[in-house]
Protein backbone atom coordinates (compact mmCIF):
# COMPACT_ATOMS: atom_id res chain seq x y z
CA MET A 1 -3.94 -15.13 27.22
CA ALA A 2 -4.24 -12.09 24.99
CA ASP A 3 -1.00 -10.31 24.06
CA GLU A 4 -1.07 -6.74 25.39
CA ARG A 5 0.46 -5.52 22.13
CA HIS A 6 -2.42 -6.98 20.13
CA GLN A 7 -4.85 -5.25 22.47
CA LYS A 8 -3.06 -1.91 22.04
CA LEU A 9 -2.98 -2.33 18.26
CA ALA A 10 -6.68 -3.19 18.20
CA GLN A 11 -7.49 -0.09 20.23
CA VAL A 12 -5.52 2.14 17.85
CA LEU A 13 -7.12 0.52 14.79
CA VAL A 14 -10.67 0.78 16.12
CA HIS A 15 -10.54 4.20 17.79
CA TYR A 16 -7.95 6.09 15.71
CA SER A 17 -7.55 4.48 12.28
CA LEU A 18 -11.14 3.44 11.57
CA GLU A 19 -12.83 5.70 14.14
CA LEU A 20 -15.59 3.15 14.65
CA LYS A 21 -18.87 4.50 15.99
CA PRO A 22 -22.03 2.76 17.24
CA GLY A 23 -23.91 1.40 14.24
CA ASP A 24 -20.90 1.15 11.92
CA ARG A 25 -20.81 -2.01 9.78
CA LEU A 26 -17.31 -3.49 10.00
CA LEU A 27 -15.88 -5.98 7.50
CA ILE A 28 -12.74 -7.78 8.73
CA GLN A 29 -10.58 -9.46 6.09
CA ALA A 30 -7.79 -11.48 7.70
CA PRO A 31 -5.96 -14.81 7.36
CA ILE A 32 -6.12 -17.55 9.95
CA ALA A 33 -2.62 -16.73 11.22
CA ALA A 34 -3.81 -13.29 12.31
CA PHE A 35 -6.59 -14.64 14.54
CA PRO A 36 -5.09 -13.21 17.79
CA LEU A 37 -5.42 -9.70 16.33
CA THR A 38 -8.77 -10.43 14.66
CA ARG A 39 -10.17 -11.50 18.04
CA GLU A 40 -9.04 -8.29 19.77
CA VAL A 41 -10.39 -6.08 16.97
CA PHE A 42 -13.69 -8.00 17.07
CA ARG A 43 -13.85 -7.49 20.84
CA GLU A 44 -13.05 -3.78 20.64
CA ALA A 45 -15.56 -3.24 17.81
CA ILE A 46 -18.34 -4.86 19.85
CA ARG A 47 -17.49 -2.71 22.85
CA THR A 48 -17.76 0.34 20.60
CA GLY A 49 -21.26 -0.60 19.47
CA ALA A 50 -20.37 -1.47 15.87
CA TYR A 51 -21.75 -4.42 13.90
CA VAL A 52 -19.19 -6.92 12.59
CA VAL A 53 -20.99 -7.84 9.38
CA ALA A 54 -18.42 -10.41 8.21
CA VAL A 55 -15.03 -11.90 8.98
CA GLU A 56 -13.59 -12.99 5.64
CA THR A 57 -10.72 -15.48 5.76
CA LEU A 58 -7.94 -14.71 3.29
CA GLN A 59 -5.80 -17.71 2.30
CA PRO A 60 -3.49 -17.35 -0.74
CA GLU A 61 -3.27 -21.13 -1.00
CA LEU A 62 -6.94 -21.25 -2.07
CA ILE A 63 -6.39 -18.59 -4.73
CA GLU A 64 -3.41 -20.65 -5.95
CA LEU A 65 -5.67 -23.69 -6.35
CA LEU A 66 -8.17 -21.66 -8.37
CA LEU A 67 -5.47 -20.20 -10.61
CA ARG A 68 -3.86 -23.60 -11.22
CA GLU A 69 -6.92 -25.81 -11.64
CA GLY A 70 -9.84 -23.53 -12.46
CA SER A 71 -11.23 -23.01 -15.94
CA ASP A 72 -11.16 -19.57 -17.54
CA GLU A 73 -14.87 -19.31 -16.71
CA GLN A 74 -14.17 -20.03 -13.05
CA LEU A 75 -11.30 -17.51 -12.95
CA THR A 76 -13.49 -14.74 -14.33
CA TYR A 77 -16.61 -15.52 -12.29
CA VAL A 78 -17.55 -12.76 -9.84
CA SER A 79 -20.32 -13.69 -7.42
CA GLU A 80 -23.25 -11.53 -6.42
CA LEU A 81 -22.06 -11.95 -2.83
CA ASP A 82 -18.81 -10.17 -3.73
CA ARG A 83 -20.76 -7.36 -5.37
CA LEU A 84 -23.05 -7.06 -2.36
CA ARG A 85 -20.19 -7.11 0.14
CA VAL A 86 -18.42 -4.16 -1.47
CA GLU A 87 -21.60 -2.08 -1.03
CA GLN A 88 -22.47 -3.00 2.56
CA TYR A 89 -19.61 -2.12 4.88
CA THR A 90 -18.97 1.32 6.33
CA ALA A 91 -15.54 0.32 7.68
CA ARG A 92 -13.12 -2.34 6.48
CA LEU A 93 -10.03 -3.75 8.17
CA TYR A 94 -7.63 -5.70 5.96
CA VAL A 95 -4.95 -7.70 7.79
CA TRP A 96 -1.89 -9.09 6.03
CA GLY A 97 -0.63 -12.21 7.80
CA GLU A 98 0.80 -14.57 5.23
CA GLU A 99 2.47 -17.80 6.26
CA ASN A 100 4.05 -18.13 2.79
CA THR A 101 4.78 -14.88 0.99
CA ARG A 102 5.62 -16.76 -2.21
CA ALA A 103 2.37 -18.73 -2.42
CA LEU A 104 1.54 -17.31 -5.87
CA SER A 105 5.09 -17.03 -7.20
CA SER A 106 4.87 -20.03 -9.56
CA VAL A 107 1.40 -19.27 -10.91
CA ASP A 108 1.12 -18.42 -14.62
CA PRO A 109 1.16 -14.58 -14.73
CA LYS A 110 -1.32 -14.56 -17.61
CA ARG A 111 -3.88 -16.51 -15.57
CA LEU A 112 -3.31 -14.17 -12.64
CA ALA A 113 -3.88 -11.21 -14.97
CA LEU A 114 -7.12 -12.79 -16.23
CA TYR A 115 -8.33 -13.24 -12.64
CA GLN A 116 -7.50 -9.62 -11.80
CA ARG A 117 -9.12 -8.12 -14.90
CA ALA A 118 -12.41 -9.83 -14.04
CA ARG A 119 -12.42 -7.98 -10.71
CA GLN A 120 -11.60 -4.51 -12.01
CA ALA A 121 -15.15 -3.24 -11.50
CA LEU A 122 -15.14 -4.43 -7.88
CA VAL A 123 -11.78 -2.78 -7.22
CA SER A 124 -12.93 0.49 -8.81
CA ARG A 125 -16.16 0.51 -6.79
CA ARG A 126 -14.31 -0.21 -3.55
CA LEU A 127 -11.85 2.61 -4.22
CA GLU A 128 -14.71 4.94 -5.12
CA ARG A 129 -16.63 4.27 -1.89
CA GLU A 130 -13.52 4.63 0.24
CA ALA A 131 -12.54 7.87 -1.51
CA ASN A 132 -15.92 9.62 -1.36
CA GLY A 133 -16.47 8.99 2.35
CA GLU A 134 -19.11 6.27 2.08
CA ALA A 135 -16.70 3.84 3.73
CA ARG A 136 -13.41 3.85 5.59
CA TRP A 137 -10.66 1.26 5.50
CA CYS A 138 -7.33 0.45 7.07
CA GLY A 139 -4.71 -2.16 6.21
CA THR A 140 -2.34 -3.52 8.84
CA LEU A 141 0.04 -6.44 9.28
CA PHE A 142 0.23 -9.31 11.74
CA PRO A 143 3.82 -10.57 12.22
CA THR A 144 4.43 -14.12 11.00
CA HIS A 145 7.46 -16.36 10.57
CA ALA A 146 7.23 -15.82 6.80
CA TYR A 147 7.54 -12.04 7.09
CA ALA A 148 10.34 -12.39 9.63
CA GLN A 149 12.21 -14.77 7.33
CA ASP A 150 11.84 -12.39 4.37
CA ALA A 151 13.25 -9.61 6.54
CA GLY A 152 16.17 -11.75 7.72
CA MET A 153 15.02 -11.53 11.34
CA SER A 154 13.80 -13.80 14.10
CA LEU A 155 10.07 -13.67 14.80
CA SER A 156 10.56 -11.91 18.14
CA SER A 157 12.86 -9.30 16.56
CA TYR A 158 10.40 -8.79 13.72
CA GLU A 159 7.51 -8.36 16.15
CA GLU A 160 9.52 -5.67 17.93
CA PHE A 161 10.24 -4.00 14.58
CA VAL A 162 6.54 -3.99 13.64
CA PHE A 163 5.27 -2.63 16.94
CA THR A 164 8.04 0.01 17.10
CA ALA A 165 7.16 1.17 13.58
CA GLY A 166 3.60 1.68 14.83
CA MET A 167 4.78 3.54 17.96
CA LEU A 168 2.83 1.09 20.10
CA ASP A 169 5.60 1.34 22.69
CA ALA A 170 4.77 5.02 23.25
CA PRO A 171 2.85 5.95 26.43
CA ASP A 172 0.06 7.33 24.23
CA PRO A 173 0.24 5.80 20.71
CA ILE A 174 -2.81 7.70 19.46
CA GLY A 175 -1.34 10.99 20.66
CA ALA A 176 1.97 10.14 18.96
CA TRP A 177 0.22 9.53 15.65
CA ARG A 178 -1.67 12.80 15.95
CA ARG A 179 1.69 14.59 16.21
CA VAL A 180 2.89 12.76 13.09
CA TYR A 181 -0.22 14.00 11.32
CA GLU A 182 0.60 17.63 12.16
CA GLU A 183 4.19 17.39 10.86
CA GLN A 184 3.17 15.64 7.65
CA GLN A 185 0.38 18.14 7.11
CA ARG A 186 3.04 20.85 6.91
CA ILE A 187 4.90 18.92 4.20
CA ALA A 188 1.72 18.20 2.24
CA ALA A 189 0.76 21.89 2.37
CA PHE A 190 4.15 22.83 0.88
CA LEU A 191 3.86 20.30 -1.94
CA ARG A 192 0.34 21.46 -2.82
CA GLN A 193 1.80 24.85 -3.74
CA HIS A 194 3.98 23.42 -6.53
CA ASP A 195 3.49 21.92 -9.97
CA GLU A 196 6.61 20.12 -11.22
CA LEU A 197 8.76 17.71 -9.24
CA HIS A 198 12.21 16.75 -10.49
CA ILE A 199 13.66 13.69 -8.75
CA VAL A 200 17.39 13.01 -9.05
CA ALA A 201 19.22 10.02 -7.54
CA PRO A 202 21.69 7.35 -8.69
CA GLY A 203 20.20 5.96 -11.92
CA THR A 204 17.20 8.27 -11.64
CA ASP A 205 16.27 11.48 -13.46
CA LEU A 206 12.49 11.79 -13.42
CA ARG A 207 10.08 14.67 -13.91
CA LEU A 208 6.36 14.75 -13.23
CA ARG A 209 3.63 17.31 -12.65
CA VAL A 210 1.25 17.41 -9.70
CA GLY A 211 -0.41 20.82 -10.02
CA GLY A 212 -4.07 20.74 -9.04
CA ARG A 213 -3.76 17.31 -7.44
CA GLN A 214 -4.24 16.69 -3.72
CA TRP A 215 -1.35 15.62 -1.50
CA ILE A 216 -2.77 13.17 1.02
CA ASN A 217 -1.35 13.00 4.54
CA CYS A 218 -1.08 9.35 5.61
CA ALA A 219 -0.67 9.18 9.37
CA GLY A 220 -2.16 5.85 10.44
CA LYS A 221 -5.68 6.14 9.07
CA VAL A 222 -5.48 3.98 5.92
CA ASN A 223 -2.32 1.99 6.62
CA PHE A 224 -0.96 1.06 10.00
CA PRO A 225 1.84 1.62 10.61
CA ASP A 226 2.03 4.60 8.33
CA GLY A 227 4.10 7.66 7.53
CA GLU A 228 3.94 9.09 4.01
CA VAL A 229 2.44 11.81 1.85
CA PHE A 230 1.21 10.91 -1.65
CA THR A 231 -0.62 12.20 -4.67
CA GLY A 232 -1.64 11.06 -8.14
CA PRO A 233 0.55 12.76 -10.75
CA ILE A 234 -0.95 14.19 -13.92
CA GLU A 235 -1.21 11.05 -15.97
CA ASP A 236 0.65 12.12 -19.14
CA SER A 237 3.32 14.18 -17.37
CA VAL A 238 5.77 11.54 -16.16
CA SER A 239 8.99 11.49 -18.18
CA GLY A 240 12.52 10.21 -17.71
CA THR A 241 14.01 7.18 -15.99
CA ILE A 242 13.87 5.81 -12.47
CA ARG A 243 16.00 2.96 -11.15
CA PHE A 244 14.56 1.39 -8.03
CA SER A 245 16.99 0.68 -5.21
CA TYR A 246 15.00 -2.20 -3.77
CA PRO A 247 13.23 -5.25 -5.21
CA ALA A 248 9.62 -4.58 -6.21
CA PHE A 249 7.29 -7.21 -4.75
CA TYR A 250 3.90 -8.08 -6.23
CA GLN A 251 1.76 -11.21 -5.96
CA GLY A 252 4.63 -13.22 -4.49
CA HIS A 253 7.15 -12.19 -7.16
CA ALA A 254 10.31 -10.20 -6.45
CA VAL A 255 11.43 -8.06 -9.39
CA GLU A 256 15.03 -7.00 -8.76
CA GLY A 257 17.19 -4.43 -10.55
CA LEU A 258 14.09 -2.69 -11.87
CA SER A 259 14.41 0.34 -14.14
CA LEU A 260 11.51 2.11 -15.85
CA THR A 261 11.62 4.74 -18.59
CA PHE A 262 8.58 6.95 -19.21
CA GLU A 263 7.46 9.05 -22.14
CA GLU A 264 4.27 11.12 -21.97
CA GLY A 265 3.23 9.30 -18.83
CA ARG A 266 3.59 5.70 -20.00
CA VAL A 267 6.26 3.07 -19.45
CA VAL A 268 8.08 2.65 -22.76
CA LYS A 269 10.99 0.59 -21.44
CA ALA A 270 11.13 -1.76 -18.47
CA THR A 271 14.12 -3.88 -17.52
CA ALA A 272 14.89 -6.08 -14.53
CA ARG A 273 17.51 -8.62 -13.45
CA THR A 274 14.83 -11.04 -12.27
CA ASN A 275 11.25 -11.88 -13.27
CA GLN A 276 11.32 -9.90 -16.52
CA ALA A 277 8.45 -11.99 -17.94
CA PHE A 278 6.29 -11.32 -14.89
CA LEU A 279 7.06 -7.60 -15.11
CA GLU A 280 5.99 -7.48 -18.75
CA ALA A 281 2.83 -9.49 -18.04
CA MET A 282 1.78 -7.05 -15.31
CA LEU A 283 2.48 -4.04 -17.54
CA ASP A 284 0.12 -5.55 -20.10
CA VAL A 285 -2.68 -6.46 -17.66
CA ASP A 286 -4.78 -3.53 -18.86
CA PRO A 287 -4.32 -0.10 -20.50
CA GLY A 288 -3.74 1.66 -17.17
CA ALA A 289 -0.97 -0.62 -15.91
CA ARG A 290 1.82 1.34 -17.65
CA THR A 291 0.79 4.66 -16.08
CA VAL A 292 1.79 6.00 -12.67
CA GLY A 293 -1.14 6.15 -10.28
CA GLU A 294 0.77 7.41 -7.23
CA VAL A 295 3.94 9.22 -6.21
CA ALA A 296 4.83 9.40 -2.52
CA PHE A 297 7.52 10.19 0.04
CA GLY A 298 8.23 7.87 2.99
CA LEU A 299 8.44 9.76 6.30
CA ASN A 300 8.50 7.12 9.05
CA TYR A 301 12.02 7.41 10.46
CA ASN A 302 11.29 4.60 12.94
CA ILE A 303 11.60 2.35 9.88
CA GLN A 304 15.20 2.31 8.72
CA ARG A 305 15.68 -1.11 7.13
CA PHE A 306 14.28 -2.85 4.07
CA THR A 307 12.21 -5.89 5.03
CA CYS A 308 10.81 -7.08 1.67
CA ASN A 309 7.32 -5.91 2.65
CA THR A 310 5.78 -2.93 0.90
CA LEU A 311 3.64 -1.84 3.85
CA PHE A 312 6.84 -0.96 5.73
CA ASP A 313 9.32 -0.39 2.92
CA GLU A 314 7.29 2.36 1.24
CA LYS A 315 7.23 4.23 4.57
CA ILE A 316 11.00 4.12 5.19
CA GLY A 317 12.10 7.61 6.16
CA GLY A 318 14.23 8.93 3.29
CA THR A 319 12.58 7.05 0.42
CA MET A 320 10.03 7.72 -2.29
CA HIS A 321 7.85 5.35 -4.24
CA LEU A 322 5.82 5.18 -7.39
CA ALA A 323 2.83 2.94 -7.92
CA LEU A 324 2.00 1.70 -11.38
CA GLY A 325 -1.70 1.29 -12.05
CA ALA A 326 -4.76 2.52 -10.19
CA SER A 327 -4.82 6.02 -8.79
CA LEU A 328 -6.36 6.60 -5.40
CA PRO A 329 -9.30 8.86 -6.26
CA GLU A 330 -8.93 11.12 -3.21
CA SER A 331 -5.66 12.40 -4.69
CA GLY A 332 -7.39 13.59 -7.85
CA GLY A 333 -5.66 10.91 -9.90
CA ARG A 334 -7.68 9.51 -12.78
CA ASN A 335 -5.81 6.39 -13.84
CA GLN A 336 -7.75 3.14 -13.67
CA SER A 337 -6.26 -0.33 -13.53
CA THR A 338 -6.69 -3.62 -11.71
CA ILE A 339 -3.12 -3.35 -10.37
CA HIS A 340 -1.56 -0.95 -7.88
CA TRP A 341 2.10 -1.89 -7.67
CA ASP A 342 4.27 0.12 -5.27
CA MET A 343 7.97 0.38 -6.12
CA VAL A 344 10.40 1.91 -3.61
CA ASN A 345 13.49 4.03 -4.30
CA ASP A 346 16.05 5.20 -1.73
CA LEU A 347 16.52 8.99 -1.77
CA ARG A 348 19.06 9.18 1.04
CA GLU A 349 21.56 10.04 -1.70
CA GLY A 350 19.04 11.95 -3.77
CA ARG A 351 17.50 15.36 -4.31
CA VAL A 352 14.05 16.65 -5.19
CA TYR A 353 13.30 19.99 -6.81
CA ALA A 354 9.84 21.57 -6.65
CA ASP A 355 9.42 24.02 -9.54
CA GLY A 356 13.20 24.24 -9.69
CA GLN A 357 13.67 24.86 -5.95
CA LEU A 358 15.69 22.31 -3.96
CA CYS A 359 13.25 21.09 -1.32
CA TYR A 360 14.57 17.65 -0.36
CA GLU A 361 18.08 16.31 0.05
CA ASN A 362 19.66 13.19 1.50
CA GLY A 363 16.37 11.76 2.71
CA ARG A 364 14.76 14.80 4.33
CA PHE A 365 12.66 17.79 3.36
CA LEU A 366 14.41 21.16 3.68
CA ILE A 367 11.31 23.21 4.44
């Protein structure tokens, strides 16, 4: 029997997030564990009149095999099918549903970097199509025991957390997200009027410029659940130090006690209590990996706890995050990289100044 919550989530994803129309070509990328949601999205897409052009199964264990046992030639091989796929869809749903969130944690970081560099052109083309309106995409999460364990919760409690974060318990979830959009639009409009941001928090004194860049209102269209505003800072403007309150997760690695120092937009010093070698390997993946591609503020106050999952943690109401690596082109950011690594900092004891004016304090905007 289908879970009513999966049906409600599928309806929001199809009709609000992706806005599927008759004739759309939908690509679904999801692991086996997420099949209950994949089935409901497939069903809802068919009812809408869209074409499901492919359902791609994502299994980290297979990538681990390639990284461990494949030759360099196999790691860097990019098939024509992959190139064709990135050109064909008009809508893409990506579902995270890992059964082991550390599947790649013991893989040689240099081999992982080699694999990622070979796919930079595909990543850039995908970002380009999704930024210029040729295609739409949304990423969501299917609750699993692995995610619940990382969060220190039972599966049933974690499921409740996930569906509450998405406001799926509201009488009209789509209407609720439209109201979120209006409130966040007000914040984005304020930020668009300013050039320099000065972020101050324990261990953090960071300045960056955003003049002329677009602040993007994220209210359930690209991520679900959602709740943030972001932009791409001027690439050479970031200066100072930021100490991240929470572990930074990437490719199954948890980097704890992370502190980054920037000069003229590039990381010149990076220290961590754990996984220092992995951190340094990722910073050296390509020339763009040491540059900030995104700065954002988390605005989902239904999310109030850290769960070791970036999709939720970067949306925590009262936080901000930076992403090292690729800019999202719709923000006006120009940095290119094969990585996009979100790192979250708690601002509930912090302040933000916009062109010298206090605009944010203790986790909330003052506008």
